[in-house]
Structure formats: C-alpha cells, structure tokens
Amino acid sequence: MDYYILTNEAIVQQIGRKLKELRLAKNIKQKELSDASGVSVFTISSIENGKGAALLTIVQILRALEQLDYLEYFFQEQTLSPIAYAKLRRGEKKRERVRSRKVKGVSESEKNDLEW
C-alpha cells in the first residue's frame, strides 16, 4: 500500500483497524486488553475507530497483544550503501606513498655522497 497518498487521518484509521484485527485474531475483548495493557476501554475503542493516540499507548497495546514485532522497522540498524560510502570517501585526503628517489640505480643519499 502506498501510504504517501493517504492523509494522516487515514493512516491513523488504518492503524486502528490493524490493532482491532490483531485483538480479534487473539479472541480478546476490549476489556481484557484494557486490563492487560493499562489502557482504558474508551481509549482502545477510540483507537480502533480511527482516533489518534499517543505512541506510548500504541506500544502498551502492542505489548499486551504480544505484537511488538510490528515495531521492528524502527529498530533496524541503518547500513551505509556502497554509493553513500564512496561519496563520504571523496572528501577525504588520500595518503600518498613516500618513494625514495633513485637516479639510475643510485639512491638520493648515495647521490649526495657522490657529488663533490
């Protein structure tokens, strides 16, 4: 589903429907969920009917439904793509290798010794 075409209110309604679906799939009544989560029956009903709720309330309900894995996306470690890494590296100075200067098989120090 493309959530970007939905309004914020429509997304909240989708979340409420999903929470209700999860509750019904576990055959739990709103009162039982209220007791398990510490969230009032009125608030649970409001959320399921598409009214807004605090994030903490959503987490409490998900925990009581044993569905915290729905939050997994928020806890994923962000990896740096190879392209982004290359862009970061462009700004760094490159270390240059120090080379000894040789003139026809003679090192710089030997050359100084040979000069008059």
PDB file of N, CA and C in Angstrom:
ATOM      1  N   MET A   1       0.844  -1.186   0.000  1.00  0.00           N
ATOM      2  CA  MET A   1       0.000   0.000   0.000  1.00  0.00           C
ATOM      3  C   MET A   1       0.883   1.240   0.000  1.00  0.00           C
ATOM      4  N   ASP A   2       0.528   2.213  -0.787  1.00  0.00           N
ATOM      5  CA  ASP A   2       1.271   3.469  -0.841  1.00  0.00           C
ATOM      6  C   ASP A   2       0.695   4.419   0.205  1.00  0.00           C
ATOM      7  N   TYR A   3       1.344   4.491   1.340  1.00  0.00           N
ATOM      8  CA  TYR A   3       0.849   5.303   2.445  1.00  0.00           C
ATOM      9  C   TYR A   3       0.971   6.792   2.167  1.00  0.00           C
ATOM     10  N   TYR A   4       1.805   7.165   1.215  1.00  0.00           N
ATOM     11  CA  TYR A   4       2.008   8.577   0.915  1.00  0.00           C
ATOM     12  C   TYR A   4       0.794   9.222   0.244  1.00  0.00           C
ATOM     13  N   ILE A   5      -0.075   8.421  -0.336  1.00  0.00           N
ATOM     14  CA  ILE A   5      -1.272   9.003  -0.941  1.00  0.00           C
ATOM     15  C   ILE A   5      -2.389   9.169   0.089  1.00  0.00           C
ATOM     16  N   LEU A   6      -2.223   8.556   1.265  1.00  0.00           N
ATOM     17  CA  LEU A   6      -3.225   8.665   2.328  1.00  0.00           C
ATOM     18  C   LEU A   6      -2.996   9.915   3.168  1.00  0.00           C
ATOM     19  N   THR A   7      -4.052  10.449   3.712  1.00  0.00           N
ATOM     20  CA  THR A   7      -3.918  11.544   4.662  1.00  0.00           C
ATOM     21  C   THR A   7      -3.442  10.972   5.993  1.00  0.00           C
ATOM     22  N   ASN A   8      -2.995  11.845   6.868  1.00  0.00           N
ATOM     23  CA  ASN A   8      -2.572  11.395   8.199  1.00  0.00           C
ATOM     24  C   ASN A   8      -3.723  10.722   8.934  1.00  0.00           C
ATOM     25  N   GLU A   9      -4.904  11.274   8.799  1.00  0.00           N
ATOM     26  CA  GLU A   9      -6.082  10.710   9.459  1.00  0.00           C
ATOM     27  C   GLU A   9      -6.393   9.309   8.918  1.00  0.00           C
ATOM     28  N   ALA A  10      -6.228   9.123   7.613  1.00  0.00           N
ATOM     29  CA  ALA A  10      -6.480   7.808   7.021  1.00  0.00           C
ATOM     30  C   ALA A  10      -5.462   6.780   7.517  1.00  0.00           C
ATOM     31  N   ILE A  11      -4.227   7.215   7.713  1.00  0.00           N
ATOM     32  CA  ILE A  11      -3.201   6.306   8.248  1.00  0.00           C
ATOM     33  C   ILE A  11      -3.544   5.914   9.681  1.00  0.00           C
ATOM     34  N   VAL A  12      -3.984   6.874  10.478  1.00  0.00           N
ATOM     35  CA  VAL A  12      -4.380   6.588  11.860  1.00  0.00           C
ATOM     36  C   VAL A  12      -5.541   5.595  11.869  1.00  0.00           C
ATOM     37  N   GLN A  13      -6.480   5.748  10.947  1.00  0.00           N
ATOM     38  CA  GLN A  13      -7.600   4.806  10.851  1.00  0.00           C
ATOM     39  C   GLN A  13      -7.108   3.409  10.482  1.00  0.00           C
ATOM     40  N   GLN A  14      -6.128   3.331   9.576  1.00  0.00           N
ATOM     41  CA  GLN A  14      -5.550   2.033   9.194  1.00  0.00           C
ATOM     42  C   GLN A  14      -4.887   1.361  10.404  1.00  0.00           C
ATOM     43  N   ILE A  15      -4.167   2.143  11.180  1.00  0.00           N
ATOM     44  CA  ILE A  15      -3.505   1.593  12.378  1.00  0.00           C
ATOM     45  C   ILE A  15      -4.556   1.083  13.361  1.00  0.00           C
ATOM     46  N   GLY A  16      -5.620   1.855  13.563  1.00  0.00           N
ATOM     47  CA  GLY A  16      -6.711   1.428  14.458  1.00  0.00           C
ATOM     48  C   GLY A  16      -7.350   0.134  13.999  1.00  0.00           C
ATOM     49  N   ARG A  17      -7.587   0.048  12.682  1.00  0.00           N
ATOM     50  CA  ARG A  17      -8.173  -1.193  12.138  1.00  0.00           C
ATOM     51  C   ARG A  17      -7.240  -2.380  12.358  1.00  0.00           C
ATOM     52  N   LYS A  18      -5.964  -2.154  12.166  1.00  0.00           N
ATOM     53  CA  LYS A  18      -4.991  -3.244  12.331  1.00  0.00           C
ATOM     54  C   LYS A  18      -4.941  -3.707  13.794  1.00  0.00           C
ATOM     55  N   LEU A  19      -4.942  -2.754  14.718  1.00  0.00           N
ATOM     56  CA  LEU A  19      -4.939  -3.132  16.133  1.00  0.00           C
ATOM     57  C   LEU A  19      -6.201  -3.922  16.492  1.00  0.00           C
ATOM     58  N   LYS A  20      -7.325  -3.509  15.953  1.00  0.00           N
ATOM     59  CA  LYS A  20      -8.570  -4.247  16.196  1.00  0.00           C
ATOM     60  C   LYS A  20      -8.480  -5.648  15.607  1.00  0.00           C
ATOM     61  N   GLU A  21      -7.927  -5.740  14.403  1.00  0.00           N
ATOM     62  CA  GLU A  21      -7.751  -7.039  13.744  1.00  0.00           C
ATOM     63  C   GLU A  21      -6.856  -7.960  14.580  1.00  0.00           C
ATOM     64  N   LEU A  22      -5.769  -7.413  15.114  1.00  0.00           N
ATOM     65  CA  LEU A  22      -4.861  -8.202  15.952  1.00  0.00           C
ATOM     66  C   LEU A  22      -5.570  -8.683  17.221  1.00  0.00           C
ATOM     67  N   ARG A  23      -6.355  -7.776  17.816  1.00  0.00           N
ATOM     68  CA  ARG A  23      -7.090  -8.127  19.043  1.00  0.00           C
ATOM     69  C   ARG A  23      -8.098  -9.236  18.770  1.00  0.00           C
ATOM     70  N   LEU A  24      -8.859  -9.099  17.696  1.00  0.00           N
ATOM     71  CA  LEU A  24      -9.876 -10.093  17.363  1.00  0.00           C
ATOM     72  C   LEU A  24      -9.247 -11.434  16.973  1.00  0.00           C
ATOM     73  N   ALA A  25      -8.073 -11.386  16.320  1.00  0.00           N
ATOM     74  CA  ALA A  25      -7.387 -12.631  15.944  1.00  0.00           C
ATOM     75  C   ALA A  25      -6.963 -13.424  17.179  1.00  0.00           C
ATOM     76  N   LYS A  26      -6.709 -12.709  18.272  1.00  0.00           N
ATOM     77  CA  LYS A  26      -6.351 -13.379  19.523  1.00  0.00           C
ATOM     78  C   LYS A  26      -7.586 -13.648  20.392  1.00  0.00           C
ATOM     79  N   ASN A  27      -8.758 -13.283  19.864  1.00  0.00           N
ATOM     80  CA  ASN A  27     -10.026 -13.510  20.559  1.00  0.00           C
ATOM     81  C   ASN A  27     -10.026 -12.848  21.943  1.00  0.00           C
ATOM     82  N   ILE A  28      -9.577 -11.595  21.963  1.00  0.00           N
ATOM     83  CA  ILE A  28      -9.507 -10.832  23.210  1.00  0.00           C
ATOM     84  C   ILE A  28     -10.554  -9.723  23.155  1.00  0.00           C
ATOM     85  N   LYS A  29     -11.296  -9.545  24.222  1.00  0.00           N
ATOM     86  CA  LYS A  29     -12.273  -8.462  24.325  1.00  0.00           C
ATOM     87  C   LYS A  29     -11.549  -7.170  24.699  1.00  0.00           C
ATOM     88  N   GLN A  30     -12.170  -6.051  24.380  1.00  0.00           N
ATOM     89  CA  GLN A  30     -11.561  -4.763  24.709  1.00  0.00           C
ATOM     90  C   GLN A  30     -11.281  -4.633  26.203  1.00  0.00           C
ATOM     91  N   LYS A  31     -12.155  -5.131  27.022  1.00  0.00           N
ATOM     92  CA  LYS A  31     -11.963  -5.072  28.482  1.00  0.00           C
ATOM     93  C   LYS A  31     -10.730  -5.875  28.893  1.00  0.00           C
ATOM     94  N   GLU A  32     -10.554  -7.043  28.313  1.00  0.00           N
ATOM     95  CA  GLU A  32      -9.370  -7.868  28.619  1.00  0.00           C
ATOM     96  C   GLU A  32      -8.093  -7.163  28.172  1.00  0.00           C
ATOM     97  N   LEU A  33      -8.152  -6.547  26.992  1.00  0.00           N
ATOM     98  CA  LEU A  33      -6.990  -5.802  26.501  1.00  0.00           C
ATOM     99  C   LEU A  33      -6.715  -4.602  27.397  1.00  0.00           C
ATOM    100  N   SER A  34      -7.765  -3.974  27.861  1.00  0.00           N
ATOM    101  CA  SER A  34      -7.631  -2.848  28.777  1.00  0.00           C
ATOM    102  C   SER A  34      -6.909  -3.267  30.059  1.00  0.00           C
ATOM    103  N   ASP A  35      -7.341  -4.388  30.615  1.00  0.00           N
ATOM    104  CA  ASP A  35      -6.717  -4.899  31.845  1.00  0.00           C
ATOM    105  C   ASP A  35      -5.252  -5.269  31.616  1.00  0.00           C
ATOM    106  N   ALA A  36      -4.956  -5.873  30.480  1.00  0.00           N
ATOM    107  CA  ALA A  36      -3.593  -6.325  30.195  1.00  0.00           C
ATOM    108  C   ALA A  36      -2.649  -5.172  29.856  1.00  0.00           C
ATOM    109  N   SER A  37      -3.192  -4.119  29.236  1.00  0.00           N
ATOM    110  CA  SER A  37      -2.324  -3.043  28.757  1.00  0.00           C
ATOM    111  C   SER A  37      -2.282  -1.823  29.673  1.00  0.00           C
ATOM    112  N   GLY A  38      -3.290  -1.687  30.516  1.00  0.00           N
ATOM    113  CA  GLY A  38      -3.360  -0.491  31.357  1.00  0.00           C
ATOM    114  C   GLY A  38      -3.951   0.701  30.624  1.00  0.00           C
ATOM    115  N   VAL A  39      -4.536   0.445  29.474  1.00  0.00           N
ATOM    116  CA  VAL A  39      -5.166   1.490  28.664  1.00  0.00           C
ATOM    117  C   VAL A  39      -6.674   1.334  28.833  1.00  0.00           C
ATOM    118  N   SER A  40      -7.387   2.445  28.986  1.00  0.00           N
ATOM    119  CA  SER A  40      -8.830   2.365  29.225  1.00  0.00           C
ATOM    120  C   SER A  40      -9.568   1.782  28.014  1.00  0.00           C
ATOM    121  N   VAL A  41     -10.714   1.180  28.292  1.00  0.00           N
ATOM    122  CA  VAL A  41     -11.548   0.619  27.233  1.00  0.00           C
ATOM    123  C   VAL A  41     -11.952   1.731  26.267  1.00  0.00           C
ATOM    124  N   PHE A  42     -12.263   2.913  26.795  1.00  0.00           N
ATOM    125  CA  PHE A  42     -12.641   4.052  25.957  1.00  0.00           C
ATOM    126  C   PHE A  42     -11.525   4.398  24.975  1.00  0.00           C
ATOM    127  N   THR A  43     -10.283   4.420  25.449  1.00  0.00           N
ATOM    128  CA  THR A  43      -9.142   4.742  24.584  1.00  0.00           C
ATOM    129  C   THR A  43      -8.941   3.663  23.530  1.00  0.00           C
ATOM    130  N   ILE A  44      -9.036   2.404  23.914  1.00  0.00           N
ATOM    131  CA  ILE A  44      -8.912   1.301  22.957  1.00  0.00           C
ATOM    132  C   ILE A  44      -9.980   1.415  21.882  1.00  0.00           C
ATOM    133  N   SER A  45     -11.204   1.678  22.298  1.00  0.00           N
ATOM    134  CA  SER A  45     -12.303   1.833  21.349  1.00  0.00           C
ATOM    135  C   SER A  45     -12.047   3.020  20.412  1.00  0.00           C
ATOM    136  N   SER A  46     -11.577   4.111  20.974  1.00  0.00           N
ATOM    137  CA  SER A  46     -11.287   5.298  20.162  1.00  0.00           C
ATOM    138  C   SER A  46     -10.211   5.017  19.120  1.00  0.00           C
ATOM    139  N   ILE A  47      -9.150   4.335  19.543  1.00  0.00           N
ATOM    140  CA  ILE A  47      -8.061   3.999  18.609  1.00  0.00           C
ATOM    141  C   ILE A  47      -8.577   3.097  17.502  1.00  0.00           C
ATOM    142  N   GLU A  48      -9.321   2.078  17.876  1.00  0.00           N
ATOM    143  CA  GLU A  48      -9.853   1.148  16.878  1.00  0.00           C
ATOM    144  C   GLU A  48     -10.821   1.825  15.908  1.00  0.00           C
ATOM    145  N   ASN A  49     -11.402   2.932  16.332  1.00  0.00           N
ATOM    146  CA  ASN A  49     -12.312   3.685  15.468  1.00  0.00           C
ATOM    147  C   ASN A  49     -11.620   4.840  14.743  1.00  0.00           C
ATOM    148  N   GLY A  50     -10.291   4.837  14.762  1.00  0.00           N
ATOM    149  CA  GLY A  50      -9.551   5.803  13.954  1.00  0.00           C
ATOM    150  C   GLY A  50      -9.222   7.113  14.617  1.00  0.00           C
ATOM    151  N   LYS A  51      -9.369   7.190  15.918  1.00  0.00           N
ATOM    152  CA  LYS A  51      -8.994   8.406  16.635  1.00  0.00           C
ATOM    153  C   LYS A  51      -7.518   8.305  17.007  1.00  0.00           C
ATOM    154  N   GLY A  52      -6.875   9.429  17.128  1.00  0.00           N
ATOM    155  CA  GLY A  52      -5.452   9.460  17.438  1.00  0.00           C
ATOM    156  C   GLY A  52      -5.138   8.949  18.829  1.00  0.00           C
ATOM    157  N   ALA A  53      -3.890   8.582  19.026  1.00  0.00           N
ATOM    158  CA  ALA A  53      -3.438   8.097  20.325  1.00  0.00           C
ATOM    159  C   ALA A  53      -1.954   8.396  20.472  1.00  0.00           C
ATOM    160  N   ALA A  54      -1.516   8.479  21.703  1.00  0.00           N
ATOM    161  CA  ALA A  54      -0.102   8.678  21.971  1.00  0.00           C
ATOM    162  C   ALA A  54       0.675   7.422  21.590  1.00  0.00           C
ATOM    163  N   LEU A  55       1.899   7.614  21.188  1.00  0.00           N
ATOM    164  CA  LEU A  55       2.743   6.485  20.795  1.00  0.00           C
ATOM    165  C   LEU A  55       2.902   5.494  21.948  1.00  0.00           C
ATOM    166  N   LEU A  56       3.036   6.003  23.143  1.00  0.00           N
ATOM    167  CA  LEU A  56       3.154   5.124  24.313  1.00  0.00           C
ATOM    168  C   LEU A  56       1.935   4.214  24.432  1.00  0.00           C
ATOM    169  N   THR A  57       0.769   4.734  24.162  1.00  0.00           N
ATOM    170  CA  THR A  57      -0.460   3.941  24.228  1.00  0.00           C
ATOM    171  C   THR A  57      -0.432   2.820  23.196  1.00  0.00           C
ATOM    172  N   ILE A  58       0.025   3.132  21.998  1.00  0.00           N
ATOM    173  CA  ILE A  58       0.127   2.114  20.949  1.00  0.00           C
ATOM    174  C   ILE A  58       1.106   1.017  21.381  1.00  0.00           C
ATOM    175  N   VAL A  59       2.229   1.417  21.960  1.00  0.00           N
ATOM    176  CA  VAL A  59       3.225   0.442  22.419  1.00  0.00           C
ATOM    177  C   VAL A  59       2.626  -0.435  23.522  1.00  0.00           C
ATOM    178  N   GLN A  60       1.885   0.156  24.441  1.00  0.00           N
ATOM    179  CA  GLN A  60       1.253  -0.622  25.516  1.00  0.00           C
ATOM    180  C   GLN A  60       0.288  -1.658  24.934  1.00  0.00           C
ATOM    181  N   ILE A  61      -0.481  -1.249  23.954  1.00  0.00           N
ATOM    182  CA  ILE A  61      -1.443  -2.175  23.342  1.00  0.00           C
ATOM    183  C   ILE A  61      -0.716  -3.279  22.584  1.00  0.00           C
ATOM    184  N   LEU A  62       0.297  -2.917  21.815  1.00  0.00           N
ATOM    185  CA  LEU A  62       1.064  -3.936  21.075  1.00  0.00           C
ATOM    186  C   LEU A  62       1.725  -4.928  22.033  1.00  0.00           C
ATOM    187  N   ARG A  63       2.232  -4.420  23.148  1.00  0.00           N
ATOM    188  CA  ARG A  63       2.856  -5.316  24.137  1.00  0.00           C
ATOM    189  C   ARG A  63       1.824  -6.287  24.709  1.00  0.00           C
ATOM    190  N   ALA A  64       0.655  -5.783  25.055  1.00  0.00           N
ATOM    191  CA  ALA A  64      -0.392  -6.646  25.617  1.00  0.00           C
ATOM    192  C   ALA A  64      -0.856  -7.684  24.600  1.00  0.00           C
ATOM    193  N   LEU A  65      -0.828  -7.328  23.322  1.00  0.00           N
ATOM    194  CA  LEU A  65      -1.209  -8.270  22.263  1.00  0.00           C
ATOM    195  C   LEU A  65      -0.046  -9.168  21.833  1.00  0.00           C
ATOM    196  N   GLU A  66       1.102  -8.972  22.473  1.00  0.00           N
ATOM    197  CA  GLU A  66       2.337  -9.702  22.126  1.00  0.00           C
ATOM    198  C   GLU A  66       2.674  -9.532  20.649  1.00  0.00           C
ATOM    199  N   GLN A  67       2.593  -8.284  20.198  1.00  0.00           N
ATOM    200  CA  GLN A  67       2.846  -7.960  18.790  1.00  0.00           C
ATOM    201  C   GLN A  67       3.872  -6.819  18.643  1.00  0.00           C
ATOM    202  N   LEU A  68       4.805  -6.724  19.564  1.00  0.00           N
ATOM    203  CA  LEU A  68       5.823  -5.669  19.490  1.00  0.00           C
ATOM    204  C   LEU A  68       6.697  -5.786  18.239  1.00  0.00           C
ATOM    205  N   ASP A  69       6.684  -6.962  17.611  1.00  0.00           N
ATOM    206  CA  ASP A  69       7.480  -7.132  16.396  1.00  0.00           C
ATOM    207  C   ASP A  69       7.008  -6.209  15.275  1.00  0.00           C
ATOM    208  N   TYR A  70       5.825  -5.637  15.394  1.00  0.00           N
ATOM    209  CA  TYR A  70       5.365  -4.650  14.409  1.00  0.00           C
ATOM    210  C   TYR A  70       6.232  -3.387  14.443  1.00  0.00           C
ATOM    211  N   LEU A  71       6.969  -3.209  15.511  1.00  0.00           N
ATOM    212  CA  LEU A  71       7.853  -2.043  15.644  1.00  0.00           C
ATOM    213  C   LEU A  71       9.268  -2.320  15.135  1.00  0.00           C
ATOM    214  N   GLU A  72       9.503  -3.505  14.641  1.00  0.00           N
ATOM    215  CA  GLU A  72      10.850  -3.912  14.222  1.00  0.00           C
ATOM    216  C   GLU A  72      11.507  -2.938  13.256  1.00  0.00           C
ATOM    217  N   TYR A  73      10.748  -2.409  12.327  1.00  0.00           N
ATOM    218  CA  TYR A  73      11.300  -1.486  11.334  1.00  0.00           C
ATOM    219  C   TYR A  73      11.990  -0.292  12.000  1.00  0.00           C
ATOM    220  N   PHE A  74      11.451   0.176  13.110  1.00  0.00           N
ATOM    221  CA  PHE A  74      12.015   1.338  13.790  1.00  0.00           C
ATOM    222  C   PHE A  74      13.339   1.040  14.477  1.00  0.00           C
ATOM    223  N   PHE A  75      13.638  -0.224  14.684  1.00  0.00           N
ATOM    224  CA  PHE A  75      14.847  -0.601  15.404  1.00  0.00           C
ATOM    225  C   PHE A  75      15.925  -1.212  14.516  1.00  0.00           C
ATOM    226  N   GLN A  76      15.683  -1.244  13.224  1.00  0.00           N
ATOM    227  CA  GLN A  76      16.673  -1.809  12.308  1.00  0.00           C
ATOM    228  C   GLN A  76      17.885  -0.894  12.238  1.00  0.00           C
ATOM    229  N   GLU A  77      19.060  -1.528  12.205  1.00  0.00           N
ATOM    230  CA  GLU A  77      20.297  -0.781  12.039  1.00  0.00           C
ATOM    231  C   GLU A  77      20.373  -0.288  10.611  1.00  0.00           C
ATOM    232  N   GLN A  78      20.698   0.965  10.472  1.00  0.00           N
ATOM    233  CA  GLN A  78      20.851   1.516   9.130  1.00  0.00           C
ATOM    234  C   GLN A  78      22.240   1.165   8.611  1.00  0.00           C
ATOM    235  N   THR A  79      22.275   0.618   7.414  1.00  0.00           N
ATOM    236  CA  THR A  79      23.555   0.298   6.803  1.00  0.00           C
ATOM    237  C   THR A  79      23.870   1.362   5.769  1.00  0.00           C
ATOM    238  N   LEU A  80      25.123   1.598   5.594  1.00  0.00           N
ATOM    239  CA  LEU A  80      25.585   2.584   4.638  1.00  0.00           C
ATOM    240  C   LEU A  80      25.751   1.902   3.293  1.00  0.00           C
ATOM    241  N   SER A  81      25.081   2.429   2.293  1.00  0.00           N
ATOM    242  CA  SER A  81      25.179   1.823   0.970  1.00  0.00           C
ATOM    243  C   SER A  81      26.573   2.078   0.398  1.00  0.00           C
ATOM    244  N   PRO A  82      27.044   1.236  -0.507  1.00  0.00           N
ATOM    245  CA  PRO A  82      28.360   1.443  -1.109  1.00  0.00           C
ATOM    246  C   PRO A  82      28.481   2.798  -1.803  1.00  0.00           C
ATOM    247  N   ILE A  83      27.406   3.271  -2.390  1.00  0.00           N
ATOM    248  CA  ILE A  83      27.449   4.567  -3.071  1.00  0.00           C
ATOM    249  C   ILE A  83      27.607   5.694  -2.059  1.00  0.00           C
ATOM    250  N   ALA A  84      26.869   5.631  -0.971  1.00  0.00           N
ATOM    251  CA  ALA A  84      26.982   6.650   0.068  1.00  0.00           C
ATOM    252  C   ALA A  84      28.374   6.623   0.692  1.00  0.00           C
ATOM    253  N   TYR A  85      28.932   5.427   0.879  1.00  0.00           N
ATOM    254  CA  TYR A  85      30.283   5.305   1.436  1.00  0.00           C
ATOM    255  C   TYR A  85      31.302   5.939   0.494  1.00  0.00           C
ATOM    256  N   ALA A  86      31.158   5.702  -0.794  1.00  0.00           N
ATOM    257  CA  ALA A  86      32.075   6.284  -1.780  1.00  0.00           C
ATOM    258  C   ALA A  86      31.994   7.803  -1.762  1.00  0.00           C
ATOM    259  N   LYS A  87      30.791   8.328  -1.619  1.00  0.00           N
ATOM    260  CA  LYS A  87      30.629   9.784  -1.564  1.00  0.00           C
ATOM    261  C   LYS A  87      31.304  10.362  -0.334  1.00  0.00           C
ATOM    262  N   LEU A  88      31.210   9.646   0.785  1.00  0.00           N
ATOM    263  CA  LEU A  88      31.888  10.103   2.003  1.00  0.00           C
ATOM    264  C   LEU A  88      33.397  10.092   1.835  1.00  0.00           C
ATOM    265  N   ARG A  89      33.886   9.080   1.148  1.00  0.00           N
ATOM    266  CA  ARG A  89      35.332   8.928   0.971  1.00  0.00           C
ATOM    267  C   ARG A  89      35.918   9.974   0.020  1.00  0.00           C
ATOM    268  N   ARG A  90      35.111  10.520  -0.874  1.00  0.00           N
ATOM    269  CA  ARG A  90      35.613  11.510  -1.832  1.00  0.00           C
ATOM    270  C   ARG A  90      36.210  12.723  -1.145  1.00  0.00           C
ATOM    271  N   GLY A  91      35.643  13.105  -0.027  1.00  0.00           N
ATOM    272  CA  GLY A  91      36.100  14.289   0.681  1.00  0.00           C
ATOM    273  C   GLY A  91      37.378  14.083   1.478  1.00  0.00           C
ATOM    274  N   GLU A  92      37.774  12.851   1.686  1.00  0.00           N
ATOM    275  CA  GLU A  92      38.976  12.571   2.471  1.00  0.00           C
ATOM    276  C   GLU A  92      40.221  12.735   1.616  1.00  0.00           C
ATOM    277  N   LYS A  93      41.310  13.185   2.253  1.00  0.00           N
ATOM    278  CA  LYS A  93      42.583  13.258   1.544  1.00  0.00           C
ATOM    279  C   LYS A  93      43.154  11.859   1.431  1.00  0.00           C
ATOM    280  N   LYS A  94      43.731  11.592   0.296  1.00  0.00           N
ATOM    281  CA  LYS A  94      44.338  10.284   0.097  1.00  0.00           C
ATOM    282  C   LYS A  94      45.781  10.329   0.580  1.00  0.00           C
ATOM    283  N   ARG A  95      46.191   9.270   1.237  1.00  0.00           N
ATOM    284  CA  ARG A  95      47.572   9.174   1.686  1.00  0.00           C
ATOM    285  C   ARG A  95      48.445   8.812   0.507  1.00  0.00           C
ATOM    286  N   GLU A  96      49.543   9.497   0.396  1.00  0.00           N
ATOM    287  CA  GLU A  96      50.466   9.195  -0.690  1.00  0.00           C
ATOM    288  C   GLU A  96      51.627   8.391  -0.158  1.00  0.00           C
ATOM    289  N   ARG A  97      52.100   7.484  -0.975  1.00  0.00           N
ATOM    290  CA  ARG A  97      53.228   6.665  -0.605  1.00  0.00           C
ATOM    291  C   ARG A  97      54.503   7.460  -0.814  1.00  0.00           C
ATOM    292  N   VAL A  98      55.379   7.413   0.169  1.00  0.00           N
ATOM    293  CA  VAL A  98      56.663   8.108   0.055  1.00  0.00           C
ATOM    294  C   VAL A  98      57.625   7.181  -0.668  1.00  0.00           C
ATOM    295  N   ARG A  99      58.170   7.682  -1.736  1.00  0.00           N
ATOM    296  CA  ARG A  99      59.093   6.878  -2.526  1.00  0.00           C
ATOM    297  C   ARG A  99      60.495   7.474  -2.437  1.00  0.00           C
ATOM    298  N   SER A 100      61.472   6.610  -2.366  1.00  0.00           N
ATOM    299  CA  SER A 100      62.844   7.112  -2.394  1.00  0.00           C
ATOM    300  C   SER A 100      63.200   7.419  -3.841  1.00  0.00           C
ATOM    301  N   ARG A 101      63.911   8.478  -4.032  1.00  0.00           N
ATOM    302  CA  ARG A 101      64.270   8.895  -5.377  1.00  0.00           C
ATOM    303  C   ARG A 101      65.578   8.224  -5.781  1.00  0.00           C
ATOM    304  N   LYS A 102      65.547   7.572  -6.896  1.00  0.00           N
ATOM    305  CA  LYS A 102      66.749   6.897  -7.377  1.00  0.00           C
ATOM    306  C   LYS A 102      67.120   7.456  -8.739  1.00  0.00           C
ATOM    307  N   VAL A 103      68.407   7.621  -8.934  1.00  0.00           N
ATOM    308  CA  VAL A 103      68.909   8.050 -10.231  1.00  0.00           C
ATOM    309  C   VAL A 103      69.772   6.918 -10.763  1.00  0.00           C
ATOM    310  N   LYS A 104      69.260   6.253 -11.768  1.00  0.00           N
ATOM    311  CA  LYS A 104      69.960   5.141 -12.404  1.00  0.00           C
ATOM    312  C   LYS A 104      70.533   4.174 -11.381  1.00  0.00           C
ATOM    313  N   GLY A 105      69.660   3.691 -10.488  1.00  0.00           N
ATOM    314  CA  GLY A 105      70.080   2.685  -9.531  1.00  0.00           C
ATOM    315  C   GLY A 105      70.777   3.238  -8.307  1.00  0.00           C
ATOM    316  N   VAL A 106      70.892   4.579  -8.191  1.00  0.00           N
ATOM    317  CA  VAL A 106      71.572   5.184  -7.048  1.00  0.00           C
ATOM    318  C   VAL A 106      70.528   5.942  -6.238  1.00  0.00           C
ATOM    319  N   SER A 107      70.491   5.677  -4.913  1.00  0.00           N
ATOM    320  CA  SER A 107      69.517   6.360  -4.071  1.00  0.00           C
ATOM    321  C   SER A 107      69.913   7.814  -3.879  1.00  0.00           C
ATOM    322  N   GLU A 108      68.997   8.619  -3.383  1.00  0.00           N
ATOM    323  CA  GLU A 108      69.240  10.047  -3.159  1.00  0.00           C
ATOM    324  C   GLU A 108      70.402  10.258  -2.200  1.00  0.00           C
ATOM    325  N   SER A 109      70.493   9.455  -1.152  1.00  0.00           N
ATOM    326  CA  SER A 109      71.582   9.630  -0.174  1.00  0.00           C
ATOM    327  C   SER A 109      72.934   9.259  -0.798  1.00  0.00           C
ATOM    328  N   GLU A 110      72.915   8.213  -1.630  1.00  0.00           N
ATOM    329  CA  GLU A 110      74.160   7.834  -2.312  1.00  0.00           C
ATOM    330  C   GLU A 110      74.559   8.895  -3.321  1.00  0.00           C
ATOM    331  N   LYS A 111      73.601   9.508  -3.971  1.00  0.00           N
ATOM    332  CA  LYS A 111      73.870  10.537  -4.960  1.00  0.00           C
ATOM    333  C   LYS A 111      74.549  11.726  -4.283  1.00  0.00           C
ATOM    334  N   ASN A 112      74.051  12.104  -3.074  1.00  0.00           N
ATOM    335  CA  ASN A 112      74.668  13.212  -2.328  1.00  0.00           C
ATOM    336  C   ASN A 112      76.104  12.905  -1.952  1.00  0.00           C
ATOM    337  N   ASP A 113      76.379  11.661  -1.628  1.00  0.00           N
ATOM    338  CA  ASP A 113      77.721  11.258  -1.274  1.00  0.00           C
ATOM    339  C   ASP A 113      78.657  11.321  -2.485  1.00  0.00           C
ATOM    340  N   LEU A 114      78.107  11.067  -3.670  1.00  0.00           N
ATOM    341  CA  LEU A 114      78.923  11.057  -4.868  1.00  0.00           C
ATOM    342  C   LEU A 114      79.215  12.455  -5.395  1.00  0.00           C
ATOM    343  N   GLU A 115      78.387  13.426  -5.030  1.00  0.00           N
ATOM    344  CA  GLU A 115      78.613  14.778  -5.507  1.00  0.00           C
ATOM    345  C   GLU A 115      79.802  15.404  -4.815  1.00  0.00           C
ATOM    346  N   TRP A 116      80.519  16.322  -5.508  1.00  0.00           N
ATOM    347  CA  TRP A 116      81.707  16.968  -4.968  1.00  0.00           C
ATOM    348  C   TRP A 116      81.332  18.123  -4.160  1.00  0.00           C
TER     349      TRP A 116
END
